Each structure stands twice: as structure tokens, then as C-alpha cells.
Amino acid sequence: MREWIASVLTGHYRLFYSIALGYLKNASMAEDAVQTAAVKGLQNLKHVKQPDAFLGWFAKITRNTCLDMLRHKSWTSEDPLEVALEKASSSARLTQLDRRIDLLSEISALPEKQAIVVQLRFLEDRDIDEIAEQLKLKRNTVEVRLHRALAKLAKSASLQALRRIEKP
């Protein structure tokens, strides 16, 4: 089980790092946050009720670790202008990252074959031919899985709610 988790975390490190970097705006602190989140995740592994939801669960741990670090931010400068700018942009940044975490949770709730295709296509920016080659599938099979997954995501209540919020 721990080997599987290690492979999942390693395979999606860029995603978790980007979440942390979005909050912390500091590369070394983002790396520390992901490592701290990994330790917390391993310690609380018994709380994962559905293995399919692991990515979303770990993304939330990463976000909460970053928020903890921001609350105890003795590592940042206390320049008044910088603090004011950070406060002004923090709510927009938190909203954007929360939306990304919601999307990740929805993707991880898809059937595994569909979730993998969506993750490779949109989170790792691979084209259809690369995905087909990596998964040893026909291009048409990848396209069908992607189409079905996107249809399911379009019906998701939480993603529909996000779409309503984003419309002016």
C-alpha cells in the first residue's frame, strides 16, 4: 500500500507542488509543504475511505499544510506594502486553488480508466497520441474515454456550481 502511495505522490508531484507554490509563492517553501503534507498523509492514511479519492484528499492536505505555513509565516518579510498586496490577492488565489482542488476531487471520482486519461490530458498536458502510446491503447479508445469522462464531469453538481459562480 505504501509503495502505491509513493508512486501516486511521485507521479503527481508537479500538481501538489503547483498547489503549494500557488499559496506560498516560494519554491523552497512549496517543496517543504509537499514533503510535510506527504508525512501527514502517511500518518492519516487510515482516514482514506475510498482509494479513488486519494488525489483529492491529498490535495486538501497540501492546501491545509500551506495555510498552516501562512498562518505561522515567520519565514516571510514583513514589508507593509508586500503584506498589503498579499492580503489583496490572497482571496482570489485561495478561490482559484480551491476550484482546482474541487476539480481534482471530481476527476479522482471518475472510473480509473477515465481519470487517468483526463489527468494525462489536462493536468500533464499530453496530447491524445502520447496518451495512447503511454497506455498502449488505440487513439480512438483514448478519445472515447476522454469524451465520456468530460461528459460525466459536465454533469457534476460541484463543477456546475463553479460554472454559475464564474459567469458575470
N, C-alpha and C. Protein backbone atom coordinates (compact mmCIF):
# COMPACT_ATOMS: atom_id res chain seq x y z
N MET A 1 0.83 -1.20 0.00
CA MET A 1 0.00 0.00 0.00
C MET A 1 0.87 1.26 0.00
N ARG A 2 1.90 1.28 0.85
CA ARG A 2 2.77 2.46 0.91
C ARG A 2 3.52 2.65 -0.41
N GLU A 3 3.85 1.55 -1.10
CA GLU A 3 4.54 1.66 -2.38
C GLU A 3 3.60 2.32 -3.40
N TRP A 4 2.32 1.93 -3.37
CA TRP A 4 1.35 2.52 -4.27
C TRP A 4 1.22 4.01 -4.01
N ILE A 5 1.14 4.39 -2.74
CA ILE A 5 1.02 5.79 -2.37
C ILE A 5 2.26 6.56 -2.82
N ALA A 6 3.42 5.98 -2.61
CA ALA A 6 4.65 6.64 -3.04
C ALA A 6 4.65 6.86 -4.54
N SER A 7 4.19 5.88 -5.29
CA SER A 7 4.16 6.05 -6.75
C SER A 7 3.13 7.10 -7.17
N VAL A 8 1.99 7.16 -6.48
CA VAL A 8 0.98 8.17 -6.80
C VAL A 8 1.51 9.56 -6.49
N LEU A 9 2.14 9.72 -5.33
CA LEU A 9 2.68 11.02 -4.94
C LEU A 9 3.79 11.45 -5.89
N THR A 10 4.64 10.53 -6.25
CA THR A 10 5.74 10.85 -7.17
C THR A 10 5.19 11.19 -8.55
N GLY A 11 4.21 10.44 -9.00
CA GLY A 11 3.63 10.68 -10.31
C GLY A 11 2.87 11.99 -10.42
N HIS A 12 2.36 12.48 -9.32
CA HIS A 12 1.57 13.71 -9.32
C HIS A 12 2.26 14.83 -8.53
N TYR A 13 3.55 14.72 -8.36
CA TYR A 13 4.29 15.70 -7.56
C TYR A 13 4.11 17.11 -8.13
N ARG A 14 4.16 17.25 -9.45
CA ARG A 14 4.03 18.58 -10.06
C ARG A 14 2.71 19.25 -9.69
N LEU A 15 1.66 18.45 -9.62
CA LEU A 15 0.36 19.00 -9.26
C LEU A 15 0.37 19.53 -7.83
N PHE A 16 0.86 18.70 -6.90
CA PHE A 16 0.88 19.11 -5.49
C PHE A 16 1.83 20.28 -5.27
N TYR A 17 2.95 20.26 -5.99
CA TYR A 17 3.91 21.36 -5.90
C TYR A 17 3.28 22.65 -6.42
N SER A 18 2.52 22.56 -7.51
CA SER A 18 1.89 23.77 -8.05
C SER A 18 0.84 24.32 -7.09
N ILE A 19 0.14 23.44 -6.39
CA ILE A 19 -0.82 23.91 -5.38
C ILE A 19 -0.07 24.66 -4.29
N ALA A 20 1.00 24.06 -3.79
CA ALA A 20 1.78 24.69 -2.72
C ALA A 20 2.42 25.99 -3.19
N LEU A 21 2.96 26.00 -4.39
CA LEU A 21 3.60 27.21 -4.91
C LEU A 21 2.57 28.33 -5.09
N GLY A 22 1.36 27.97 -5.48
CA GLY A 22 0.30 28.96 -5.62
C GLY A 22 -0.02 29.66 -4.31
N TYR A 23 0.03 28.92 -3.23
CA TYR A 23 -0.23 29.52 -1.92
C TYR A 23 0.98 30.26 -1.38
N LEU A 24 2.14 29.65 -1.45
CA LEU A 24 3.31 30.15 -0.74
C LEU A 24 4.18 31.11 -1.55
N LYS A 25 4.12 31.02 -2.88
CA LYS A 25 4.91 31.89 -3.76
C LYS A 25 6.41 31.82 -3.46
N ASN A 26 6.86 30.66 -3.02
CA ASN A 26 8.28 30.46 -2.69
C ASN A 26 8.59 29.00 -3.00
N ALA A 27 9.54 28.77 -3.90
CA ALA A 27 9.82 27.42 -4.38
C ALA A 27 10.28 26.48 -3.27
N SER A 28 11.20 26.92 -2.44
CA SER A 28 11.70 26.01 -1.39
C SER A 28 10.64 25.74 -0.34
N MET A 29 9.81 26.74 -0.04
CA MET A 29 8.74 26.53 0.93
C MET A 29 7.67 25.60 0.35
N ALA A 30 7.44 25.70 -0.96
CA ALA A 30 6.48 24.81 -1.60
C ALA A 30 6.96 23.37 -1.53
N GLU A 31 8.25 23.15 -1.75
CA GLU A 31 8.81 21.80 -1.62
C GLU A 31 8.65 21.28 -0.20
N ASP A 32 8.94 22.14 0.77
CA ASP A 32 8.78 21.74 2.18
C ASP A 32 7.32 21.41 2.49
N ALA A 33 6.41 22.20 1.93
CA ALA A 33 4.99 21.97 2.19
C ALA A 33 4.54 20.62 1.64
N VAL A 34 4.99 20.27 0.43
CA VAL A 34 4.60 18.99 -0.16
C VAL A 34 5.18 17.84 0.66
N GLN A 35 6.42 17.98 1.10
CA GLN A 35 7.03 16.93 1.93
C GLN A 35 6.31 16.80 3.27
N THR A 36 5.97 17.92 3.88
CA THR A 36 5.24 17.88 5.14
C THR A 36 3.86 17.26 4.93
N ALA A 37 3.21 17.61 3.83
CA ALA A 37 1.90 17.03 3.52
C ALA A 37 2.00 15.52 3.31
N ALA A 38 3.09 15.08 2.68
CA ALA A 38 3.28 13.64 2.47
C ALA A 38 3.38 12.91 3.80
N VAL A 39 4.10 13.48 4.74
CA VAL A 39 4.22 12.87 6.07
C VAL A 39 2.85 12.83 6.75
N LYS A 40 2.12 13.95 6.70
CA LYS A 40 0.78 13.99 7.30
C LYS A 40 -0.14 12.98 6.64
N GLY A 41 -0.05 12.88 5.32
CA GLY A 41 -0.89 11.94 4.59
C GLY A 41 -0.61 10.50 5.00
N LEU A 42 0.66 10.16 5.12
CA LEU A 42 1.02 8.79 5.52
C LEU A 42 0.57 8.51 6.95
N GLN A 43 0.64 9.51 7.81
CA GLN A 43 0.21 9.33 9.20
C GLN A 43 -1.30 9.17 9.31
N ASN A 44 -2.03 9.76 8.38
CA ASN A 44 -3.50 9.73 8.44
C ASN A 44 -4.12 8.87 7.35
N LEU A 45 -3.36 7.94 6.85
CA LEU A 45 -3.81 7.09 5.75
C LEU A 45 -5.07 6.32 6.09
N LYS A 46 -5.26 6.00 7.34
CA LYS A 46 -6.43 5.22 7.75
C LYS A 46 -7.73 5.99 7.53
N HIS A 47 -7.65 7.31 7.32
CA HIS A 47 -8.85 8.13 7.11
C HIS A 47 -9.33 8.11 5.67
N VAL A 48 -8.55 7.53 4.77
CA VAL A 48 -8.96 7.45 3.37
C VAL A 48 -9.97 6.32 3.24
N LYS A 49 -11.19 6.68 2.90
CA LYS A 49 -12.24 5.68 2.81
C LYS A 49 -12.34 5.09 1.41
N GLN A 50 -12.00 5.87 0.40
CA GLN A 50 -12.05 5.41 -0.98
C GLN A 50 -10.71 5.68 -1.64
N PRO A 51 -10.00 4.66 -2.07
CA PRO A 51 -8.71 4.88 -2.73
C PRO A 51 -8.82 5.76 -3.98
N ASP A 52 -9.98 5.75 -4.64
CA ASP A 52 -10.17 6.59 -5.82
C ASP A 52 -10.11 8.07 -5.48
N ALA A 53 -10.41 8.41 -4.23
CA ALA A 53 -10.43 9.81 -3.82
C ALA A 53 -9.11 10.25 -3.21
N PHE A 54 -8.07 9.45 -3.33
CA PHE A 54 -6.80 9.75 -2.68
C PHE A 54 -6.20 11.07 -3.17
N LEU A 55 -6.23 11.32 -4.48
CA LEU A 55 -5.62 12.55 -5.01
C LEU A 55 -6.29 13.80 -4.44
N GLY A 56 -7.60 13.82 -4.44
CA GLY A 56 -8.31 14.96 -3.88
C GLY A 56 -8.05 15.12 -2.39
N TRP A 57 -8.01 14.00 -1.69
CA TRP A 57 -7.74 14.01 -0.25
C TRP A 57 -6.35 14.57 0.01
N PHE A 58 -5.37 14.12 -0.76
CA PHE A 58 -4.01 14.59 -0.54
C PHE A 58 -3.85 16.05 -0.97
N ALA A 59 -4.58 16.47 -1.99
CA ALA A 59 -4.54 17.88 -2.41
C ALA A 59 -5.05 18.77 -1.29
N LYS A 60 -6.08 18.31 -0.58
CA LYS A 60 -6.59 19.09 0.56
C LYS A 60 -5.57 19.15 1.70
N ILE A 61 -4.87 18.05 1.93
CA ILE A 61 -3.82 18.06 2.95
C ILE A 61 -2.73 19.05 2.56
N THR A 62 -2.37 19.07 1.28
CA THR A 62 -1.35 20.01 0.80
C THR A 62 -1.83 21.44 1.02
N ARG A 63 -3.07 21.72 0.65
CA ARG A 63 -3.63 23.06 0.84
C ARG A 63 -3.62 23.45 2.32
N ASN A 64 -4.08 22.55 3.19
CA ASN A 64 -4.12 22.87 4.61
C ASN A 64 -2.73 23.06 5.19
N THR A 65 -1.76 22.30 4.71
CA THR A 65 -0.38 22.48 5.16
C THR A 65 0.12 23.87 4.77
N CYS A 66 -0.20 24.30 3.56
CA CYS A 66 0.20 25.63 3.12
C CYS A 66 -0.47 26.72 3.96
N LEU A 67 -1.75 26.53 4.24
CA LEU A 67 -2.45 27.52 5.07
C LEU A 67 -1.84 27.60 6.46
N ASP A 68 -1.46 26.45 7.02
CA ASP A 68 -0.78 26.44 8.31
C ASP A 68 0.54 27.21 8.24
N MET A 69 1.28 26.99 7.16
CA MET A 69 2.55 27.67 6.99
C MET A 69 2.34 29.18 6.85
N LEU A 70 1.28 29.58 6.15
CA LEU A 70 1.00 31.01 6.01
C LEU A 70 0.59 31.64 7.34
N ARG A 71 -0.12 30.88 8.16
CA ARG A 71 -0.52 31.40 9.47
C ARG A 71 0.69 31.64 10.37
N HIS A 72 1.68 30.80 10.22
CA HIS A 72 2.88 30.89 11.05
C HIS A 72 4.06 31.34 10.19
N LYS A 73 3.87 32.40 9.44
CA LYS A 73 4.84 32.77 8.42
C LYS A 73 5.96 33.65 8.97
N SER A 74 6.77 33.09 9.80
CA SER A 74 7.94 33.81 10.27
C SER A 74 9.02 33.85 9.20
N TRP A 75 8.83 33.08 8.13
CA TRP A 75 9.84 33.00 7.07
C TRP A 75 9.69 34.09 6.02
N THR A 76 8.60 34.87 6.05
CA THR A 76 8.43 35.93 5.05
C THR A 76 8.80 37.28 5.63
N SER A 77 9.06 38.22 4.74
CA SER A 77 9.37 39.57 5.20
C SER A 77 8.09 40.25 5.64
N GLU A 78 8.19 41.22 6.48
CA GLU A 78 7.02 41.94 6.98
C GLU A 78 6.98 43.34 6.39
N ASP A 79 7.36 43.49 5.14
CA ASP A 79 7.27 44.75 4.43
C ASP A 79 5.79 45.12 4.32
N PRO A 80 5.37 46.29 4.81
CA PRO A 80 3.94 46.65 4.80
C PRO A 80 3.30 46.60 3.42
N LEU A 81 4.03 47.05 2.40
CA LEU A 81 3.49 47.02 1.05
C LEU A 81 3.28 45.58 0.59
N GLU A 82 4.25 44.74 0.87
CA GLU A 82 4.15 43.34 0.49
C GLU A 82 2.99 42.66 1.21
N VAL A 83 2.82 42.95 2.49
CA VAL A 83 1.72 42.37 3.27
C VAL A 83 0.38 42.83 2.70
N ALA A 84 0.25 44.11 2.35
CA ALA A 84 -1.00 44.63 1.80
C ALA A 84 -1.31 43.99 0.45
N LEU A 85 -0.30 43.86 -0.40
CA LEU A 85 -0.51 43.21 -1.69
C LEU A 85 -0.89 41.75 -1.54
N GLU A 86 -0.25 41.08 -0.58
CA GLU A 86 -0.57 39.67 -0.34
C GLU A 86 -2.00 39.50 0.13
N LYS A 87 -2.46 40.38 1.03
CA LYS A 87 -3.83 40.29 1.52
C LYS A 87 -4.83 40.54 0.39
N ALA A 88 -4.50 41.47 -0.49
CA ALA A 88 -5.41 41.80 -1.60
C ALA A 88 -5.55 40.63 -2.57
N SER A 89 -4.47 39.92 -2.80
CA SER A 89 -4.52 38.84 -3.78
C SER A 89 -4.82 37.47 -3.17
N SER A 90 -4.78 37.36 -1.86
CA SER A 90 -4.91 36.05 -1.24
C SER A 90 -6.29 35.43 -1.44
N SER A 91 -7.35 36.21 -1.37
CA SER A 91 -8.68 35.62 -1.52
C SER A 91 -8.90 35.11 -2.94
N ALA A 92 -8.43 35.85 -3.93
CA ALA A 92 -8.56 35.38 -5.32
C ALA A 92 -7.72 34.12 -5.53
N ARG A 93 -6.53 34.10 -4.96
CA ARG A 93 -5.64 32.94 -5.10
C ARG A 93 -6.24 31.72 -4.40
N LEU A 94 -6.82 31.91 -3.22
CA LEU A 94 -7.44 30.81 -2.50
C LEU A 94 -8.64 30.27 -3.26
N THR A 95 -9.44 31.15 -3.84
CA THR A 95 -10.59 30.71 -4.61
C THR A 95 -10.15 29.89 -5.82
N GLN A 96 -9.14 30.35 -6.52
CA GLN A 96 -8.65 29.62 -7.69
C GLN A 96 -8.11 28.26 -7.29
N LEU A 97 -7.35 28.18 -6.21
CA LEU A 97 -6.80 26.90 -5.78
C LEU A 97 -7.89 25.97 -5.25
N ASP A 98 -8.88 26.52 -4.56
CA ASP A 98 -9.99 25.69 -4.10
C ASP A 98 -10.75 25.10 -5.28
N ARG A 99 -10.91 25.87 -6.34
CA ARG A 99 -11.57 25.36 -7.54
C ARG A 99 -10.75 24.23 -8.16
N ARG A 100 -9.44 24.40 -8.16
CA ARG A 100 -8.58 23.35 -8.72
C ARG A 100 -8.68 22.07 -7.88
N ILE A 101 -8.74 22.22 -6.57
CA ILE A 101 -8.88 21.06 -5.69
C ILE A 101 -10.23 20.38 -5.91
N ASP A 102 -11.29 21.18 -6.08
CA ASP A 102 -12.61 20.60 -6.37
C ASP A 102 -12.57 19.81 -7.67
N LEU A 103 -11.92 20.39 -8.68
CA LEU A 103 -11.81 19.70 -9.96
C LEU A 103 -11.03 18.40 -9.80
N LEU A 104 -9.95 18.44 -9.05
CA LEU A 104 -9.15 17.23 -8.82
C LEU A 104 -9.97 16.17 -8.10
N SER A 105 -10.78 16.57 -7.14
CA SER A 105 -11.65 15.62 -6.44
C SER A 105 -12.64 14.98 -7.40
N GLU A 106 -13.21 15.78 -8.29
CA GLU A 106 -14.16 15.26 -9.26
C GLU A 106 -13.47 14.29 -10.22
N ILE A 107 -12.26 14.62 -10.64
CA ILE A 107 -11.52 13.74 -11.54
C ILE A 107 -11.22 12.42 -10.86
N SER A 108 -10.82 12.48 -9.60
CA SER A 108 -10.47 11.25 -8.89
C SER A 108 -11.70 10.39 -8.60
N ALA A 109 -12.91 10.96 -8.71
CA ALA A 109 -14.13 10.19 -8.51
C ALA A 109 -14.56 9.45 -9.78
N LEU A 110 -13.94 9.79 -10.90
CA LEU A 110 -14.25 9.10 -12.16
C LEU A 110 -13.74 7.66 -12.11
N PRO A 111 -14.27 6.79 -12.97
CA PRO A 111 -13.68 5.45 -13.09
C PRO A 111 -12.19 5.59 -13.44
N GLU A 112 -11.39 4.67 -12.94
CA GLU A 112 -9.93 4.79 -13.05
C GLU A 112 -9.44 5.01 -14.48
N LYS A 113 -9.97 4.27 -15.44
CA LYS A 113 -9.52 4.40 -16.83
C LYS A 113 -9.79 5.79 -17.38
N GLN A 114 -10.92 6.36 -17.00
CA GLN A 114 -11.25 7.71 -17.46
C GLN A 114 -10.43 8.76 -16.72
N ALA A 115 -10.25 8.57 -15.43
CA ALA A 115 -9.49 9.53 -14.63
C ALA A 115 -8.05 9.64 -15.12
N ILE A 116 -7.45 8.51 -15.45
CA ILE A 116 -6.07 8.52 -15.93
C ILE A 116 -5.95 9.32 -17.22
N VAL A 117 -6.88 9.12 -18.14
CA VAL A 117 -6.85 9.84 -19.41
C VAL A 117 -7.01 11.34 -19.18
N VAL A 118 -7.94 11.73 -18.32
CA VAL A 118 -8.16 13.16 -18.04
C VAL A 118 -6.93 13.76 -17.38
N GLN A 119 -6.33 13.06 -16.42
CA GLN A 119 -5.15 13.57 -15.75
C GLN A 119 -4.00 13.75 -16.73
N LEU A 120 -3.78 12.77 -17.57
CA LEU A 120 -2.69 12.88 -18.54
C LEU A 120 -2.94 14.02 -19.53
N ARG A 121 -4.19 14.16 -19.97
CA ARG A 121 -4.51 15.17 -20.98
C ARG A 121 -4.46 16.59 -20.43
N PHE A 122 -5.08 16.81 -19.29
CA PHE A 122 -5.24 18.18 -18.82
C PHE A 122 -4.29 18.59 -17.69
N LEU A 123 -3.89 17.65 -16.87
CA LEU A 123 -3.00 18.01 -15.77
C LEU A 123 -1.53 17.87 -16.16
N GLU A 124 -1.26 16.99 -17.12
CA GLU A 124 0.12 16.81 -17.56
C GLU A 124 0.33 17.27 -19.00
N ASP A 125 -0.69 17.88 -19.59
CA ASP A 125 -0.62 18.47 -20.94
C ASP A 125 -0.08 17.53 -22.01
N ARG A 126 -0.54 16.31 -21.99
CA ARG A 126 -0.15 15.34 -23.03
C ARG A 126 -1.18 15.36 -24.13
N ASP A 127 -0.74 15.13 -25.37
CA ASP A 127 -1.72 15.06 -26.45
C ASP A 127 -2.25 13.63 -26.56
N ILE A 128 -3.28 13.47 -27.35
CA ILE A 128 -4.00 12.20 -27.46
C ILE A 128 -3.05 11.07 -27.90
N ASP A 129 -2.20 11.35 -28.88
CA ASP A 129 -1.28 10.31 -29.37
C ASP A 129 -0.28 9.87 -28.29
N GLU A 130 0.22 10.81 -27.51
CA GLU A 130 1.14 10.46 -26.41
C GLU A 130 0.44 9.58 -25.37
N ILE A 131 -0.79 9.94 -25.05
CA ILE A 131 -1.55 9.16 -24.07
C ILE A 131 -1.78 7.75 -24.60
N ALA A 132 -2.17 7.65 -25.86
CA ALA A 132 -2.42 6.34 -26.46
C ALA A 132 -1.15 5.49 -26.42
N GLU A 133 -0.03 6.11 -26.73
CA GLU A 133 1.24 5.37 -26.73
C GLU A 133 1.61 4.94 -25.31
N GLN A 134 1.48 5.85 -24.34
CA GLN A 134 1.84 5.54 -22.96
C GLN A 134 0.96 4.43 -22.39
N LEU A 135 -0.33 4.48 -22.67
CA LEU A 135 -1.25 3.49 -22.11
C LEU A 135 -1.40 2.26 -23.00
N LYS A 136 -0.71 2.28 -24.15
CA LYS A 136 -0.76 1.17 -25.10
C LYS A 136 -2.20 0.90 -25.55
N LEU A 137 -2.86 2.00 -25.94
CA LEU A 137 -4.23 1.95 -26.42
C LEU A 137 -4.31 2.56 -27.81
N LYS A 138 -5.41 2.31 -28.49
CA LYS A 138 -5.66 2.97 -29.77
C LYS A 138 -6.07 4.41 -29.49
N ARG A 139 -5.77 5.29 -30.43
CA ARG A 139 -6.12 6.70 -30.30
C ARG A 139 -7.63 6.86 -30.07
N ASN A 140 -8.43 6.09 -30.80
CA ASN A 140 -9.88 6.17 -30.69
C ASN A 140 -10.35 5.81 -29.28
N THR A 141 -9.72 4.81 -28.68
CA THR A 141 -10.09 4.40 -27.32
C THR A 141 -9.84 5.54 -26.34
N VAL A 142 -8.69 6.20 -26.49
CA VAL A 142 -8.37 7.34 -25.62
C VAL A 142 -9.39 8.46 -25.82
N GLU A 143 -9.74 8.74 -27.07
CA GLU A 143 -10.72 9.79 -27.34
C GLU A 143 -12.08 9.47 -26.73
N VAL A 144 -12.51 8.22 -26.81
CA VAL A 144 -13.80 7.82 -26.25
C VAL A 144 -13.78 7.96 -24.73
N ARG A 145 -12.70 7.49 -24.10
CA ARG A 145 -12.60 7.61 -22.64
C ARG A 145 -12.60 9.07 -22.20
N LEU A 146 -11.88 9.89 -22.94
CA LEU A 146 -11.82 11.31 -22.62
C LEU A 146 -13.20 11.95 -22.78
N HIS A 147 -13.88 11.63 -23.86
CA HIS A 147 -15.21 12.18 -24.11
C HIS A 147 -16.19 11.78 -23.00
N ARG A 148 -16.17 10.50 -22.62
CA ARG A 148 -17.09 10.03 -21.56
C ARG A 148 -16.77 10.68 -20.22
N ALA A 149 -15.49 10.83 -19.94
CA ALA A 149 -15.09 11.45 -18.67
C ALA A 149 -15.54 12.91 -18.63
N LEU A 150 -15.33 13.62 -19.73
CA LEU A 150 -15.73 15.03 -19.76
C LEU A 150 -17.25 15.18 -19.68
N ALA A 151 -17.98 14.23 -20.25
CA ALA A 151 -19.44 14.26 -20.13
C ALA A 151 -19.86 14.09 -18.67
N LYS A 152 -19.19 13.18 -17.96
CA LYS A 152 -19.50 12.98 -16.54
C LYS A 152 -19.12 14.20 -15.72
N LEU A 153 -17.98 14.80 -16.03
CA LEU A 153 -17.57 15.99 -15.30
C LEU A 153 -18.53 17.15 -15.55
N ALA A 154 -19.06 17.23 -16.75
CA ALA A 154 -20.00 18.30 -17.07
C ALA A 154 -21.29 18.18 -16.27
N LYS A 155 -21.65 16.95 -15.88
CA LYS A 155 -22.85 16.72 -15.08
C LYS A 155 -22.62 16.88 -13.59
N SER A 156 -21.37 17.03 -13.18
CA SER A 156 -21.03 17.14 -11.76
C SER A 156 -21.67 18.38 -11.14
N ALA A 157 -22.35 18.19 -10.04
CA ALA A 157 -23.04 19.30 -9.38
C ALA A 157 -22.06 20.37 -8.91
N SER A 158 -20.92 19.97 -8.35
CA SER A 158 -19.98 20.97 -7.85
C SER A 158 -19.34 21.75 -8.98
N LEU A 159 -19.07 21.12 -10.11
CA LEU A 159 -18.49 21.84 -11.24
C LEU A 159 -19.53 22.74 -11.90
N GLN A 160 -20.80 22.33 -11.92
CA GLN A 160 -21.86 23.20 -12.45
C GLN A 160 -22.01 24.43 -11.56
N ALA A 161 -21.86 24.24 -10.25
CA ALA A 161 -21.95 25.37 -9.33
C ALA A 161 -20.78 26.33 -9.59
N LEU A 162 -19.61 25.81 -9.85
CA LEU A 162 -18.46 26.67 -10.17
C LEU A 162 -18.73 27.46 -11.46
N ARG A 163 -19.30 26.81 -12.43
CA ARG A 163 -19.59 27.47 -13.70
C ARG A 163 -20.58 28.63 -13.48
N ARG A 164 -21.57 28.45 -12.59
CA ARG A 164 -22.53 29.51 -12.31
C ARG A 164 -21.86 30.67 -11.58
N ILE A 165 -20.91 30.38 -10.70
CA ILE A 165 -20.21 31.43 -9.96
C ILE A 165 -19.35 32.26 -10.91
N GLU A 166 -18.71 31.61 -11.88
CA GLU A 166 -17.79 32.29 -12.77
C GLU A 166 -18.48 33.16 -13.80
N LYS A 167 -19.75 32.90 -14.11
CA LYS A 167 -20.47 33.71 -15.10
C LYS A 167 -20.80 35.07 -14.49
N PRO A 168 -20.62 36.14 -15.29
CA PRO A 168 -20.91 37.50 -14.76
C PRO A 168 -22.39 37.77 -14.63
